[in-house]
Amino acid sequence: MHDHELELSASDRYAKALSLSHERESEQITVDTSLPLQRCRVCGAEMPVTEKCLQVMADRMLARLKPETAVIVRKDLELYLTACISCRQKFSVKWNTYPRKFI
C-alpha cells in the first residue's frame, strides 16, 4: 500500500474501492434494447404490445388454420390487431372482422 492509503481508515478505503469500481462500470457501453409500443391505427392510443409481438401472434394463429380460412383471417388481422380494444369494439362489425362471422 502507498503511504497515503495507510492514512485512510478501513471504511474510507472500502468507499474509495467502491467508487473506483463504479467508475469502471459506468464507462461500459450500454445498448438500448427497448422496442416501441404499437399505436392504434384509428385513434393513436398506445397499445400494451409491440409490433413484433403482434406479428408473432398473427403468424401462430394463421399457421393453425386451413389455407382457405387463413387467407380471410390474414386480411382481418391486418385491421384488427393494429387497433386498440376500444376501436375494435366500435368498428369490428363495420370492418367485418368480428370472429362470429365464421359460425
Protein backbone atom coordinates (compact mmCIF):
# COMPACT_ATOMS: atom_id res chain seq x y z
CA MET A 1 0.00 0.00 0.00
CA HIS A 2 1.01 3.57 -0.55
CA ASP A 3 1.64 5.88 2.40
CA HIS A 4 -1.45 7.98 1.69
CA GLU A 5 -3.61 4.84 1.64
CA LEU A 6 -2.34 3.86 5.10
CA GLU A 7 -3.66 7.15 6.42
CA LEU A 8 -7.21 6.29 5.31
CA SER A 9 -9.44 4.32 7.63
CA ALA A 10 -10.67 0.91 6.55
CA SER A 11 -14.14 2.30 5.78
CA ASP A 12 -12.65 5.11 3.67
CA ARG A 13 -10.53 2.61 1.71
CA TYR A 14 -13.66 0.50 1.16
CA ALA A 15 -15.64 3.54 -0.01
CA LYS A 16 -12.81 4.51 -2.37
CA ALA A 17 -12.69 0.97 -3.81
CA LEU A 18 -16.46 1.03 -4.40
CA SER A 19 -16.20 4.41 -6.05
CA LEU A 20 -13.47 3.19 -8.40
CA SER A 21 -15.42 0.06 -9.34
CA HIS A 22 -18.50 2.20 -10.04
CA GLU A 23 -16.45 4.44 -12.35
CA ARG A 24 -15.33 1.40 -14.34
CA GLU A 25 -18.93 0.13 -14.65
CA SER A 26 -20.23 3.50 -15.81
CA GLU A 27 -17.72 3.51 -18.67
CA GLN A 28 -19.22 0.36 -20.16
CA ILE A 29 -21.22 0.76 -23.33
CA THR A 30 -24.95 0.23 -22.98
CA VAL A 31 -27.31 -0.66 -25.77
CA ASP A 32 -30.94 0.39 -25.77
CA THR A 33 -32.95 -2.75 -26.47
CA SER A 34 -36.38 -1.27 -25.86
CA LEU A 35 -38.99 -1.58 -28.56
CA PRO A 36 -41.69 0.99 -29.29
CA LEU A 37 -45.24 0.04 -28.41
CA GLN A 38 -47.82 -0.32 -31.16
CA ARG A 39 -50.18 2.61 -31.61
CA CYS A 40 -53.81 2.19 -32.60
CA ARG A 41 -54.18 2.93 -36.29
CA VAL A 42 -57.59 4.54 -35.65
CA CYS A 43 -57.27 6.70 -32.53
CA GLY A 44 -53.49 6.67 -32.00
CA ALA A 45 -53.67 5.32 -28.44
CA GLU A 46 -50.64 3.40 -27.26
CA MET A 47 -51.36 -0.32 -27.01
CA PRO A 48 -49.59 -2.56 -24.44
CA VAL A 49 -47.90 -4.65 -27.14
CA THR A 50 -45.09 -4.29 -29.68
CA GLU A 51 -45.42 -4.65 -33.44
CA LYS A 52 -43.16 -7.71 -33.30
CA CYS A 53 -45.41 -9.36 -30.71
CA LEU A 54 -48.48 -8.76 -32.88
CA GLN A 55 -46.70 -10.31 -35.86
CA VAL A 56 -45.74 -13.41 -33.88
CA MET A 57 -49.31 -13.81 -32.62
CA ALA A 58 -50.73 -13.45 -36.12
CA ASP A 59 -48.26 -15.97 -37.56
CA ARG A 60 -49.10 -18.51 -34.86
CA MET A 61 -52.84 -18.12 -35.41
CA LEU A 62 -52.57 -18.38 -39.18
CA ALA A 63 -50.33 -21.44 -39.03
CA ARG A 64 -53.12 -23.39 -37.31
CA LEU A 65 -55.84 -22.57 -39.83
CA LYS A 66 -56.86 -24.20 -43.07
CA PRO A 67 -55.25 -22.32 -46.01
CA GLU A 68 -58.59 -21.03 -47.36
CA THR A 69 -59.58 -19.71 -43.92
CA ALA A 70 -56.10 -18.26 -43.32
CA VAL A 71 -56.44 -16.01 -46.39
CA ILE A 72 -59.60 -14.42 -44.97
CA VAL A 73 -58.28 -14.19 -41.42
CA ARG A 74 -55.00 -12.61 -42.55
CA LYS A 75 -56.92 -9.64 -44.02
CA ASP A 76 -58.95 -9.33 -40.81
CA LEU A 77 -55.85 -9.43 -38.63
CA GLU A 78 -54.24 -6.56 -40.54
CA LEU A 79 -57.11 -4.35 -39.39
CA TYR A 80 -57.98 -5.98 -36.10
CA LEU A 81 -54.55 -6.34 -34.49
CA THR A 82 -53.48 -2.78 -35.28
CA ALA A 83 -56.50 -1.28 -33.48
CA CYS A 84 -56.89 -0.85 -29.74
CA ILE A 85 -59.57 -2.78 -27.87
CA SER A 86 -61.91 0.21 -27.81
CA CYS A 87 -61.69 0.74 -31.57
CA ARG A 88 -62.08 -2.99 -32.19
CA GLN A 89 -65.33 -2.96 -30.28
CA LYS A 90 -66.59 0.08 -32.16
CA PHE A 91 -65.60 -0.94 -35.68
CA SER A 92 -65.37 -4.75 -35.90
CA VAL A 93 -68.85 -5.10 -37.44
CA LYS A 94 -68.20 -2.24 -39.86
CA TRP A 95 -64.82 -3.76 -40.82
CA ASN A 96 -66.34 -7.24 -40.96
CA THR A 97 -63.56 -8.53 -38.69
CA TYR A 98 -65.71 -9.99 -35.93
CA PRO A 99 -64.99 -13.68 -35.24
CA ARG A 100 -68.62 -14.84 -35.22
CA LYS A 101 -68.86 -14.49 -38.99
CA PHE A 102 -67.31 -17.98 -39.25
CA ILE A 103 -70.05 -19.66 -37.19
